[in-house]
């Protein structure tokens, strides 16, 4: 047995204190009473009874003491609120799903009502109640009254997030020595793959709450941008996919500008849409499904477009024609004759400010390629990652080494700005470098690295790894950090990282939460156990009945 309001030792100490206090009260002298005696034969005894200077009397009324002790003890135990069936090795966790699919109709209200009914039947001292939307929140701690649950659920609503119950539920079973019994209300059914990952000390019972199926609902299943098939560097192609019945048009716009209608290419169960050559302006693209359906969260999806413009490159007259041809062939590069420029291609003895590719004689550098940057490349690991980033992993180092009669190598230097130094002789007929397939790749990659071309992401979906590590803040001020190598946005919406990068947007693309019908198949379902006895009420009733008995005995003179 355990106690909900007090632990074992305070409860025991209270009982001992009550017994001691009642024992002391039994021995205290009562106030004087007038005694009428029929004869002086008992005068001496009457004087002994009425001595004024006596504080205590001898203990005489054992049964009266025991009766009062039982009454007071029952009242104290009722305050401590004893519980049966609460084993310290067993923890009960009740999970209420607040994902996007729970916004349909009164699904969430049904889940809350069913959860409250189940909590009343579980041991209060070992039961915790959670609500899982964009993140997991604990709304009822062990030992707290279930009457607090309805008040704490006021104002809680489903959010535009995929179901995260399974992920958070596994975390509560991290202690193998403790059995965890989970009760799940709402959300999509658990797949076989998810259930296979549950630890052995976790048992799950799921209640679908007799939800209605999401009939007629359409949802975004994909929203992504890729490199433009036309080859335009400052444009991208948009791909959209929806799932659900009755495919219809999708309307898109950038930064609240003009709306563009996309007509579907329908397939069984959904439709696909394309928008070619979308300007990479860095704006916020919004896609919207026309018409009303049961869930509104999945009718709008947003994506932050990449920000791209052609890189302005200044080429000095001293640079050879082969390099000019490679630069002119790159759609990302705009050759300029004067300021301003983003990257300059020059000879090493020319002094032009800005990130540069500088060509100098072999005698000036021991290394064939020298990369200059800040402290970020002052390590062998970073230098290795720069090889593919600059396209240097594609060069034929053996043939170049034979022509130069010396090893081909790459070095790094720490400087205040970015630059790449290269042997000028590589551009001559002596080497076959300018005619190789690696040469235009090296030029294009180097220019992009020098211009600090920002990375952009084809898509970012709520509940899915974003592909980069970050500490991000949502619009409502909550901070989310990466657990592992990739950031996972909890819900759809805008996120701002701790760096100076532009905010990114996660879209709700989880069709499982908003299209899966909640039925009774595929999951574990159990009946709600019978409510445990409320011993605090039982003990209070017993104490009241015994008080009535004590009062009756006192009125009839059978008890002092």
Protein backbone atom coordinates (compact mmCIF):
# COMPACT_ATOMS: atom_id res chain seq x y z
CA UNK A 1 0.00 0.00 0.00
CA UNK A 2 1.14 3.53 -0.76
CA UNK A 3 -0.24 6.96 0.05
CA UNK A 4 -1.12 9.65 -2.47
CA UNK A 5 -0.80 12.74 -0.24
CA UNK A 6 1.86 11.63 2.27
CA UNK A 7 4.71 9.17 2.12
CA UNK A 8 4.92 6.15 4.41
CA UNK A 9 7.10 7.58 7.20
CA UNK A 10 5.19 10.86 7.70
CA UNK A 11 1.98 8.83 7.82
CA UNK A 12 3.42 6.48 10.47
CA UNK A 13 4.85 9.36 12.49
CA UNK A 14 1.44 11.05 12.46
CA UNK A 15 -0.26 7.91 13.82
CA UNK A 16 2.31 7.64 16.64
CA UNK A 17 1.86 11.32 17.48
CA UNK A 18 -1.93 10.95 17.58
CA UNK A 19 -1.68 7.91 19.88
CA UNK A 20 0.67 9.78 22.23
CA UNK A 21 -1.48 12.89 22.31
CA UNK A 22 -4.67 10.93 23.09
CA UNK A 23 -2.83 8.98 25.82
CA UNK A 24 -1.76 12.25 27.42
CA UNK A 25 -5.29 13.61 27.21
CA UNK A 26 -6.63 10.48 28.92
CA UNK A 27 -4.43 11.21 31.94
CA UNK A 28 -5.19 14.93 32.26
CA UNK A 29 -7.30 15.90 35.26
CA UNK A 30 -10.83 16.90 34.40
CA UNK A 31 -12.51 19.97 35.93
CA UNK A 32 -14.04 19.80 39.47
CA UNK A 33 -17.48 18.36 39.88
CA UNK A 34 -19.85 18.46 42.87
CA UNK A 35 -20.14 14.99 44.43
CA UNK A 36 -23.03 14.08 46.72
CA UNK A 37 -22.17 11.15 49.04
CA UNK A 38 -24.76 9.24 51.08
CA UNK A 39 -22.44 8.64 54.02
CA UNK A 40 -19.16 9.90 55.47
CA UNK A 41 -17.77 6.42 55.05
CA UNK A 42 -16.65 7.46 51.50
CA UNK A 43 -15.46 10.95 52.47
CA UNK A 44 -11.78 10.04 52.30
CA UNK A 45 -12.21 8.64 48.79
CA UNK A 46 -14.09 11.76 47.64
CA UNK A 47 -11.29 13.98 48.96
CA UNK A 48 -8.75 11.89 47.04
CA UNK A 49 -10.75 12.36 43.83
CA UNK A 50 -11.04 16.12 44.15
CA UNK A 51 -7.48 17.14 45.08
CA UNK A 52 -6.91 20.56 43.42
CA UNK A 53 -3.16 20.27 42.97
CA UNK A 54 -3.21 17.08 40.82
CA UNK A 55 -2.45 17.65 37.08
CA UNK A 56 -2.85 14.08 35.82
CA UNK A 57 -4.76 11.02 36.82
CA UNK A 58 -3.98 7.37 36.45
CA UNK A 59 -4.90 5.72 33.10
CA UNK A 60 -8.25 4.03 33.61
CA UNK A 61 -10.47 4.10 30.47
CA UNK A 62 -8.71 1.73 28.04
CA UNK A 63 -11.70 1.01 25.78
CA UNK A 64 -12.61 4.66 25.50
CA UNK A 65 -9.01 5.44 24.57
CA UNK A 66 -8.95 2.74 21.89
CA UNK A 67 -12.22 3.95 20.37
CA UNK A 68 -11.02 7.55 20.11
CA UNK A 69 -7.66 6.34 18.74
CA UNK A 70 -9.40 4.40 15.97
CA UNK A 71 -11.51 7.45 15.06
CA UNK A 72 -8.52 9.82 14.95
CA UNK A 73 -6.35 7.27 13.13
CA UNK A 74 -9.01 6.73 10.47
CA UNK A 75 -9.25 10.48 9.90
CA UNK A 76 -5.47 10.80 9.60
CA UNK A 77 -5.26 7.91 7.11
CA UNK A 78 -8.06 9.49 5.09
CA UNK A 79 -5.94 12.64 4.82
CA UNK A 80 -2.91 10.54 3.74
CA UNK A 81 -5.16 8.93 1.04
CA UNK A 82 -3.97 5.29 0.91
CA UNK A 83 -3.85 3.51 -2.44
CA UNK A 84 -3.75 -0.17 -3.28
CA UNK A 85 -2.38 -1.66 -6.47
CA UNK A 86 0.33 1.01 -6.89
CA UNK A 87 3.60 -0.84 -7.37
CA UNK A 88 6.76 1.26 -7.46
CA UNK A 89 8.09 -0.96 -10.23
CA UNK A 90 5.14 -0.15 -12.50
CA UNK A 91 4.58 3.28 -14.06
CA UNK A 92 1.38 4.20 -15.87
CA UNK A 93 1.60 6.81 -18.65
CA UNK A 94 -1.49 8.14 -20.41
CA UNK A 95 -0.82 9.77 -23.79
CA UNK A 96 -3.28 12.10 -25.56
CA UNK A 97 -2.42 12.67 -29.21
CA UNK A 98 -2.75 16.31 -30.34
CA UNK A 99 -1.42 15.88 -33.89
CA UNK A 100 -3.04 17.40 -36.98
CA UNK A 101 -5.46 14.54 -37.63
CA UNK A 102 -7.07 15.04 -34.20
CA UNK A 103 -8.47 18.42 -35.34
CA UNK A 104 -11.24 16.73 -37.33
CA UNK A 105 -14.64 17.10 -35.69
CA UNK A 106 -14.64 16.36 -31.96
CA UNK A 107 -11.82 13.79 -32.08
CA UNK A 108 -9.63 15.62 -29.58
CA UNK A 109 -12.50 16.20 -27.14
CA UNK A 110 -13.39 12.49 -27.27
CA UNK A 111 -9.77 11.55 -26.61
CA UNK A 112 -9.57 13.88 -23.60
CA UNK A 113 -12.81 12.54 -22.11
CA UNK A 114 -11.75 8.92 -22.59
CA UNK A 115 -8.33 9.63 -21.10
CA UNK A 116 -9.86 11.27 -18.01
CA UNK A 117 -12.14 8.27 -17.50
CA UNK A 118 -9.18 5.91 -17.70
CA UNK A 119 -7.04 7.99 -15.34
CA UNK A 120 -9.76 7.67 -12.67
CA UNK A 121 -9.30 3.88 -12.81
CA UNK A 122 -5.49 3.91 -12.50
CA UNK A 123 -3.37 4.23 -9.34
CA UNK A 124 -2.95 7.94 -8.79
CA UNK A 125 0.50 7.62 -7.25
CA UNK A 126 2.05 6.10 -10.40
CA UNK A 127 0.04 7.71 -13.23
CA UNK A 128 1.33 10.50 -15.50
CA UNK A 129 -0.71 12.15 -18.26
CA UNK A 130 0.94 13.66 -21.36
CA UNK A 131 -0.32 15.64 -24.35
CA UNK A 132 1.79 15.32 -27.51
CA UNK A 133 1.50 17.96 -30.23
CA UNK A 134 4.55 19.79 -31.50
CA UNK A 135 6.26 18.56 -28.31
CA UNK A 136 5.31 16.44 -25.31
CA UNK A 137 3.78 18.25 -22.32
CA UNK A 138 2.97 16.70 -18.96
CA UNK A 139 -0.46 17.83 -17.75
CA UNK A 140 -0.86 15.57 -14.69
CA UNK A 141 1.90 14.36 -12.38
CA UNK A 142 1.76 11.24 -10.16
CA UNK A 143 -0.22 11.89 -7.00
CA UNK A 144 -2.24 14.80 -8.40
CA UNK A 145 -6.02 14.70 -8.45
CA UNK A 146 -7.68 13.74 -11.71
CA UNK A 147 -10.00 16.72 -11.19
CA UNK A 148 -7.10 18.95 -12.25
CA UNK A 149 -6.90 17.28 -15.67
CA UNK A 150 -9.96 18.96 -17.22
CA UNK A 151 -8.76 22.40 -16.11
CA UNK A 152 -5.27 21.88 -17.51
CA UNK A 153 -6.62 20.64 -20.84
CA UNK A 154 -8.63 23.85 -21.30
CA UNK A 155 -7.24 25.74 -24.27
CA UNK A 156 -5.16 22.79 -25.50
CA UNK A 157 -5.82 22.15 -29.17
CA UNK A 158 -4.34 19.94 -31.90
CA UNK A 159 -1.49 21.52 -33.87
CA UNK A 160 -0.06 21.16 -37.38
CA UNK A 161 2.31 18.36 -36.41
CA UNK A 162 2.66 14.67 -37.17
CA UNK A 163 1.98 12.19 -34.40
CA UNK A 164 4.96 11.96 -32.04
CA UNK A 165 3.48 9.68 -29.38
CA UNK A 166 5.52 6.62 -30.38
CA UNK A 167 8.83 8.51 -30.17
CA UNK A 168 8.16 10.07 -26.78
CA UNK A 169 6.60 6.90 -25.39
CA UNK A 170 9.82 4.94 -25.92
CA UNK A 171 11.73 7.52 -23.86
CA UNK A 172 9.62 6.77 -20.75
CA UNK A 173 10.71 3.12 -20.86
CA UNK A 174 14.45 3.82 -20.74
CA UNK A 175 14.81 2.11 -17.32
CA UNK A 176 14.74 -1.66 -17.95
CA UNK A 177 14.01 -2.38 -14.27
CA UNK A 178 10.70 -0.49 -14.37
CA UNK A 179 7.61 -1.76 -16.15
CA UNK A 180 5.82 0.93 -18.14
CA UNK A 181 2.17 0.57 -19.07
CA UNK A 182 1.13 3.13 -21.70
CA UNK A 183 -2.43 4.10 -22.61
CA UNK A 184 -2.70 5.97 -25.94
CA UNK A 185 -5.75 8.00 -26.99
CA UNK A 186 -6.06 9.13 -30.60
CA UNK A 187 -3.57 9.36 -33.43
CA UNK A 188 -2.89 6.96 -36.29
CA UNK A 189 -2.46 3.22 -35.66
CA UNK A 190 1.08 2.08 -34.88
CA UNK A 191 2.83 0.27 -37.69
CA UNK A 192 4.56 -3.07 -37.25
CA UNK A 193 7.94 -1.35 -37.64
CA UNK A 194 7.17 1.04 -34.79
CA UNK A 195 5.96 -1.70 -32.48
CA UNK A 196 9.06 -3.76 -33.23
CA UNK A 197 11.18 -0.96 -31.70
CA UNK A 198 9.36 -0.93 -28.37
CA UNK A 199 11.49 -2.14 -25.43
CA UNK A 200 10.44 -5.29 -23.62
CA UNK A 201 9.42 -3.41 -20.45
CA UNK A 202 6.83 -1.33 -22.37
CA UNK A 203 3.26 -2.48 -22.86
CA UNK A 204 0.85 -0.35 -24.88
CA UNK A 205 -2.92 -0.20 -24.99
CA UNK A 206 -4.46 2.09 -27.58
CA UNK A 207 -7.98 3.46 -27.62
CA UNK A 208 -9.27 4.83 -30.96
CA UNK A 209 -12.27 6.45 -29.21
CA UNK A 210 -14.65 5.39 -32.02
CA UNK A 211 -13.51 8.23 -34.30
CA UNK A 212 -15.23 8.84 -37.58
CA UNK A 213 -13.16 8.28 -40.70
CA UNK A 214 -11.70 11.31 -42.47
CA UNK A 215 -13.90 11.14 -45.53
CA UNK A 216 -13.13 13.51 -48.39
CA UNK A 217 -9.92 14.88 -46.89
CA UNK A 218 -7.06 16.00 -49.16
CA UNK A 219 -3.57 16.64 -47.84
CA UNK A 220 -0.17 17.71 -49.08
CA UNK A 221 2.19 14.74 -49.32
CA UNK A 222 5.20 16.51 -50.88
CA UNK A 223 6.42 20.05 -51.49
CA UNK A 224 9.95 20.32 -52.88
CA UNK A 225 12.19 22.38 -55.12
CA UNK A 226 15.06 21.12 -57.27
CA UNK A 227 17.61 22.56 -59.67
CA UNK A 228 15.87 24.00 -62.73
CA UNK A 229 15.76 21.52 -65.59
CA UNK A 230 16.20 24.45 -67.96
CA UNK A 231 19.65 25.10 -66.53
CA UNK A 232 18.82 28.58 -65.23
CA UNK A 233 21.01 29.07 -62.18
CA UNK A 234 18.72 31.62 -60.50
CA UNK A 235 15.59 29.51 -60.93
CA UNK A 236 14.29 26.22 -59.53
CA UNK A 237 11.50 23.77 -60.27
CA UNK A 238 8.66 23.21 -57.81
CA UNK A 239 7.09 19.77 -57.32
CA UNK A 240 3.86 19.25 -55.36
CA UNK A 241 1.98 16.09 -54.52
CA UNK A 242 -1.35 15.67 -52.78
CA UNK A 243 -3.19 12.59 -51.53
CA UNK A 244 -6.88 12.05 -51.16
CA UNK A 245 -10.01 11.82 -53.31
CA UNK A 246 -11.16 14.22 -56.02
CA UNK A 247 -7.85 15.76 -57.16
CA UNK A 248 -8.26 19.44 -57.94
CA UNK A 249 -6.09 22.48 -58.61
CA UNK A 250 -3.45 23.78 -56.22
CA UNK A 251 -2.79 27.51 -55.93
CA UNK A 252 0.70 28.82 -55.15
CA UNK A 253 2.12 32.28 -54.53
CA UNK A 254 5.41 33.81 -53.38
CA UNK A 255 5.52 36.42 -50.60
CA UNK A 256 1.77 37.14 -50.91
CA UNK A 257 2.24 38.04 -54.58
CA UNK A 258 0.24 36.94 -57.58
CA UNK A 259 -1.43 33.54 -57.33
CA UNK A 260 -0.57 30.83 -59.85
CA UNK A 261 -2.91 27.92 -60.51
CA UNK A 262 -1.36 24.46 -60.91
CA UNK A 263 -3.49 21.81 -62.59
CA UNK A 264 -3.10 18.20 -61.47
CA UNK A 265 -1.59 15.20 -63.11
CA UNK A 266 -3.86 12.72 -61.34
CA UNK A 267 -3.01 9.19 -60.29
CA UNK A 268 -4.76 6.60 -58.15
CA UNK A 269 -5.11 8.10 -54.68
CA UNK A 270 -3.66 11.54 -55.40
CA UNK A 271 -2.20 14.04 -57.84
CA UNK A 272 1.12 15.65 -58.82
CA UNK A 273 1.82 19.24 -59.83
CA UNK A 274 4.82 21.06 -61.35
CA UNK A 275 5.87 24.69 -61.61
CA UNK A 276 8.96 25.21 -63.75
CA UNK A 277 11.56 28.00 -63.51
CA UNK A 278 10.43 29.50 -60.21
CA UNK A 279 12.64 32.53 -59.37
CA UNK A 280 15.06 31.75 -56.53
CA UNK A 281 14.28 34.94 -54.66
CA UNK A 282 14.51 33.58 -51.13
CA UNK A 283 10.83 34.33 -50.65
CA UNK A 284 8.19 32.33 -48.82
CA UNK A 285 6.22 30.09 -51.16
CA UNK A 286 2.72 29.13 -50.05
CA UNK A 287 0.75 26.29 -51.62
CA UNK A 288 -2.95 25.96 -50.92
CA UNK A 289 -5.53 23.27 -51.67
CA UNK A 290 -8.79 24.80 -52.83
CA UNK A 291 -11.98 23.83 -51.02
CA UNK A 292 -12.91 22.79 -47.50
CA UNK A 293 -12.35 19.38 -45.94
CA UNK A 294 -12.32 17.87 -42.41
CA UNK A 295 -8.76 18.96 -41.51
CA UNK A 296 -7.55 22.48 -42.21
CA UNK A 297 -3.89 22.07 -41.19
CA UNK A 298 -3.04 20.03 -44.27
CA UNK A 299 -4.63 22.43 -46.78
CA UNK A 300 -1.73 24.91 -46.65
CA UNK A 301 1.99 24.16 -46.94
CA UNK A 302 4.91 26.58 -47.02
CA UNK A 303 8.47 26.40 -48.28
CA UNK A 304 11.34 28.88 -48.14
CA UNK A 305 12.75 29.25 -51.65
CA UNK A 306 16.52 29.32 -52.11
CA UNK A 307 18.07 32.72 -52.67
CA UNK A 308 20.22 32.71 -55.78
CA UNK A 309 21.55 35.30 -58.19
CA UNK A 310 24.23 35.01 -60.84
CA UNK A 311 27.75 35.40 -59.50
CA UNK A 312 29.51 38.48 -60.88
CA UNK A 313 33.09 37.54 -61.88
CA UNK A 314 35.77 40.05 -62.92
CA UNK A 315 38.47 38.56 -65.18
CA UNK A 316 41.71 40.44 -65.75
CA UNK A 317 43.27 40.66 -69.19
CA UNK A 318 46.27 38.58 -68.11
CA UNK A 319 44.17 35.41 -67.75
CA UNK A 320 44.21 33.02 -70.71
CA UNK A 321 41.30 32.32 -73.09
CA UNK A 322 40.72 28.73 -71.86
CA UNK A 323 39.74 30.02 -68.45
CA UNK A 324 37.50 32.69 -69.96
CA UNK A 325 35.67 30.06 -72.01
CA UNK A 326 35.10 27.90 -68.89
CA UNK A 327 33.70 30.89 -67.00
CA UNK A 328 31.46 32.00 -69.85
CA UNK A 329 30.00 28.50 -70.20
CA UNK A 330 28.75 28.47 -66.61
CA UNK A 331 25.12 29.68 -66.37
CA UNK A 332 25.72 30.73 -62.77
CA UNK A 333 28.42 33.24 -63.71
CA UNK A 334 28.02 36.74 -65.09
CA UNK A 335 31.26 38.21 -66.46
CA UNK A 336 31.68 41.89 -65.57
CA UNK A 337 34.26 44.42 -66.72
CA UNK A 338 34.34 46.52 -63.58
CA UNK A 339 32.99 47.00 -60.06
CA UNK A 340 31.05 45.66 -58.34
CA UNK A 341 32.09 42.03 -58.51
CA UNK A 342 31.75 38.98 -56.26
CA UNK A 343 34.86 37.05 -57.38
CA UNK A 344 37.95 38.13 -59.28
CA UNK A 345 40.12 35.86 -61.46
CA UNK A 346 43.62 37.33 -61.74
CA UNK A 347 47.35 36.78 -61.80
CA UNK A 348 49.08 36.50 -58.43
CA UNK A 349 50.99 39.77 -58.97
CA UNK A 350 47.79 41.75 -59.61
CA UNK A 351 46.20 43.53 -56.66
CA UNK A 352 42.41 43.44 -56.82
CA UNK A 353 40.29 43.26 -53.69
CA UNK A 354 37.84 40.48 -52.98
CA UNK A 355 37.69 36.67 -53.12
CA UNK A 356 39.92 35.52 -55.95
CA UNK A 357 41.37 32.71 -58.01
CA UNK A 358 45.00 33.75 -58.43
CA UNK A 359 47.39 32.10 -60.89
CA UNK A 360 51.10 32.29 -60.20
CA UNK A 361 54.34 30.54 -61.23
CA UNK A 362 55.35 27.16 -59.82
CA UNK A 363 58.26 28.73 -57.98
CA UNK A 364 55.91 30.75 -55.72
CA UNK A 365 54.11 27.79 -54.10
CA UNK A 366 55.15 24.34 -53.01
CA UNK A 367 51.55 23.15 -53.41
CA UNK A 368 49.71 22.99 -56.72
CA UNK A 369 46.50 24.30 -55.15
CA UNK A 370 46.46 26.50 -52.05
CA UNK A 371 43.15 27.28 -50.32
CA UNK A 372 43.06 30.36 -48.09
CA UNK A 373 40.25 30.84 -45.57
CA UNK A 374 39.67 31.44 -41.88
CA UNK A 375 40.39 29.02 -39.04
CA UNK A 376 37.64 26.68 -40.33
CA UNK A 377 40.07 24.95 -42.73
CA UNK A 378 43.00 24.80 -40.35
CA UNK A 379 42.63 21.03 -40.01
CA UNK A 380 43.26 17.95 -42.11
CA UNK A 381 39.62 16.85 -41.85
CA UNK A 382 38.30 20.12 -43.25
CA UNK A 383 40.88 20.08 -46.05
CA UNK A 384 39.70 16.61 -47.08
CA UNK A 385 36.09 17.83 -47.30
CA UNK A 386 37.20 20.71 -49.53
CA UNK A 387 38.49 18.35 -52.23
CA UNK A 388 35.01 17.43 -53.58
CA UNK A 389 33.68 20.90 -52.70
CA UNK A 390 36.20 22.48 -55.08
CA UNK A 391 36.02 19.68 -57.64
CA UNK A 392 39.64 18.70 -57.00
CA UNK A 393 38.77 15.07 -56.46
CA UNK A 394 38.08 14.73 -60.21
CA UNK A 395 41.50 15.82 -61.53
CA UNK A 396 44.01 13.33 -62.96
CA UNK A 397 46.78 14.00 -60.48
CA UNK A 398 49.06 11.31 -61.93
CA UNK A 399 49.22 12.82 -65.44
CA UNK A 400 49.71 16.31 -64.02
CA UNK A 401 52.52 15.04 -61.79
CA UNK A 402 54.23 13.41 -64.79
CA UNK A 403 54.04 16.65 -66.76
CA UNK A 404 55.29 18.76 -63.85
CA UNK A 405 57.91 16.23 -62.75
CA UNK A 406 56.84 16.86 -59.14
CA UNK A 407 53.96 15.80 -56.86
CA UNK A 408 50.53 17.41 -57.19
CA UNK A 409 49.33 18.53 -53.76
CA UNK A 410 46.83 20.80 -52.02
CA UNK A 411 47.63 23.07 -49.08
CA UNK A 412 45.72 25.38 -46.77
CA UNK A 413 46.47 28.73 -45.21
CA UNK A 414 44.58 30.79 -42.66
CA UNK A 415 43.72 34.26 -43.87
CA UNK A 416 41.18 37.05 -43.49
CA UNK A 417 39.37 36.30 -46.76
CA UNK A 418 38.83 33.44 -49.16
CA UNK A 419 41.08 32.78 -52.14
CA UNK A 420 42.45 29.92 -54.22
CA UNK A 421 46.00 29.99 -55.62
CA UNK A 422 46.90 27.76 -58.59
CA UNK A 423 50.02 27.17 -60.65
CA UNK A 424 49.84 29.34 -63.75
CA UNK A 425 51.58 26.61 -65.77
CA UNK A 426 48.47 24.41 -65.52
CA UNK A 427 46.82 26.66 -68.12
CA UNK A 428 49.57 26.09 -70.71
CA UNK A 429 49.84 23.48 -73.46
CA UNK A 430 52.44 21.64 -71.40
CA UNK A 431 49.61 20.28 -69.24
CA UNK A 432 46.37 18.72 -70.38
CA UNK A 433 44.44 20.28 -67.51
CA UNK A 434 42.36 22.82 -69.50
CA UNK A 435 41.16 20.11 -71.91
CA UNK A 436 40.12 17.69 -69.16
CA UNK A 437 36.58 17.27 -67.84
CA UNK A 438 37.80 18.26 -64.38
CA UNK A 439 38.82 21.79 -65.44
CA UNK A 440 35.33 23.40 -65.85
CA UNK A 441 34.17 21.58 -62.71
CA UNK A 442 37.11 23.02 -60.75
CA UNK A 443 36.45 26.53 -62.06
CA UNK A 444 32.69 26.41 -61.36
CA UNK A 445 33.09 24.87 -57.91
CA UNK A 446 35.82 27.30 -56.89
CA UNK A 447 33.78 30.33 -57.95
CA UNK A 448 30.78 29.10 -55.97
CA UNK A 449 32.91 28.42 -52.88
CA UNK A 450 34.54 31.84 -53.10
CA UNK A 451 31.13 33.52 -53.48
CA UNK A 452 29.93 31.64 -50.38
CA UNK A 453 26.98 30.16 -52.17
CA UNK A 454 24.52 29.27 -49.44
CA UNK A 455 23.15 25.77 -49.08
CA UNK A 456 19.46 25.29 -49.71
CA UNK A 457 17.18 22.43 -48.93
CA UNK A 458 14.84 20.75 -51.35
CA UNK A 459 12.21 20.26 -48.69
CA UNK A 460 11.77 20.41 -44.91
CA UNK A 461 8.89 18.45 -43.39
CA UNK A 462 7.60 18.46 -39.83
CA UNK A 463 8.68 15.33 -37.98
CA UNK A 464 11.37 14.45 -40.54
CA UNK A 465 15.17 15.01 -40.32
CA UNK A 466 16.03 18.30 -42.01
CA UNK A 467 19.51 17.15 -43.02
CA UNK A 468 21.45 19.65 -40.91
CA UNK A 469 22.19 20.25 -37.23
CA UNK A 470 20.75 23.40 -35.70
CA UNK A 471 19.35 25.07 -32.63
CA UNK A 472 16.16 26.75 -33.83
CA UNK A 473 13.52 28.96 -32.26
CA UNK A 474 9.86 28.84 -33.27
CA UNK A 475 7.63 31.86 -33.72
CA UNK A 476 6.19 31.38 -30.21
CA UNK A 477 9.67 31.44 -28.64
CA UNK A 478 10.29 27.75 -27.98
CA UNK A 479 13.86 26.59 -28.57
CA UNK A 480 14.47 23.24 -30.26
CA UNK A 481 17.93 21.68 -30.55
CA UNK A 482 19.22 18.86 -32.70
CA UNK A 483 19.45 15.43 -31.13
CA UNK A 484 22.15 13.81 -33.23
CA UNK A 485 23.32 14.92 -36.63
CA UNK A 486 20.04 16.32 -37.98
CA UNK A 487 17.44 18.78 -36.77
CA UNK A 488 13.86 17.49 -36.63
CA UNK A 489 11.17 20.20 -36.64
CA UNK A 490 8.32 19.19 -34.36
CA UNK A 491 5.52 21.01 -36.19
CA UNK A 492 4.83 22.99 -39.33
CA UNK A 493 5.87 26.62 -39.21
CA UNK A 494 8.80 29.01 -39.36
CA UNK A 495 12.07 28.35 -37.50
CA UNK A 496 14.98 30.73 -36.99
CA UNK A 497 18.41 29.25 -36.32
CA UNK A 498 21.02 30.58 -33.94
CA UNK A 499 23.13 31.69 -36.93
CA UNK A 500 22.48 34.62 -39.23
CA UNK A 501 20.84 32.44 -41.87
CA UNK A 502 17.37 33.25 -43.11
CA UNK A 503 14.54 31.45 -41.31
CA UNK A 504 13.40 28.17 -42.79
CA UNK A 505 9.91 26.75 -42.93
CA UNK A 506 8.73 23.20 -42.24
CA UNK A 507 5.62 21.91 -43.99
CA UNK A 508 3.10 19.38 -42.73
CA UNK A 509 3.55 16.49 -45.18
CA UNK A 510 2.52 13.63 -42.89
CA UNK A 511 -0.43 12.03 -44.64
CA UNK A 512 -0.49 9.16 -42.14
CA UNK A 513 -1.81 11.45 -39.39
CA UNK A 514 -4.46 13.19 -41.49
CA UNK A 515 -5.61 10.45 -43.88
CA UNK A 516 -5.43 7.22 -41.86
CA UNK A 517 -8.81 6.13 -40.54
CA UNK A 518 -8.92 5.25 -36.88
CA UNK A 519 -10.44 1.78 -36.62
CA UNK A 520 -10.15 -1.12 -34.22
CA UNK A 521 -7.76 -3.18 -36.29
CA UNK A 522 -4.02 -3.48 -36.01
CA UNK A 523 -3.53 -2.26 -32.44
CA UNK A 524 -3.82 -3.53 -28.90
CA UNK A 525 -7.10 -2.58 -27.27
CA UNK A 526 -7.97 -3.31 -23.67
CA UNK A 527 -10.98 -2.61 -21.54
CA UNK A 528 -10.64 0.01 -18.86
CA UNK A 529 -9.90 -1.69 -15.52
CA UNK A 530 -12.29 -1.36 -12.66
CA UNK A 531 -11.81 1.74 -10.55
CA UNK A 532 -9.76 1.06 -7.39
CA UNK A 533 -11.41 1.64 -4.05
CA UNK A 534 -11.20 5.22 -2.78
CA UNK A 535 -9.89 4.42 0.69
CA UNK A 536 -9.92 8.05 1.80
CA UNK A 537 -13.73 8.10 1.43
CA UNK A 538 -14.09 4.71 3.13
CA UNK A 539 -11.98 5.78 6.10
CA UNK A 540 -13.82 9.09 6.41
CA UNK A 541 -17.17 7.25 6.51
CA UNK A 542 -15.83 4.81 9.12
CA UNK A 543 -14.59 7.69 11.28
CA UNK A 544 -17.98 9.42 11.04
CA UNK A 545 -19.86 6.26 12.07
CA UNK A 546 -17.54 5.69 15.03
CA UNK A 547 -18.03 9.29 16.11
CA UNK A 548 -21.76 8.67 16.18
CA UNK A 549 -21.20 5.54 18.30
CA UNK A 550 -18.91 7.44 20.68
CA UNK A 551 -21.47 10.23 21.08
CA UNK A 552 -24.22 7.71 21.84
CA UNK A 553 -22.09 5.94 24.47
CA UNK A 554 -21.23 9.24 26.09
CA UNK A 555 -24.87 10.39 26.22
CA UNK A 556 -25.94 7.14 27.86
CA UNK A 557 -23.17 7.40 30.46
CA UNK A 558 -21.36 4.30 29.24
CA UNK A 559 -18.31 6.27 28.24
CA UNK A 560 -16.64 9.12 30.14
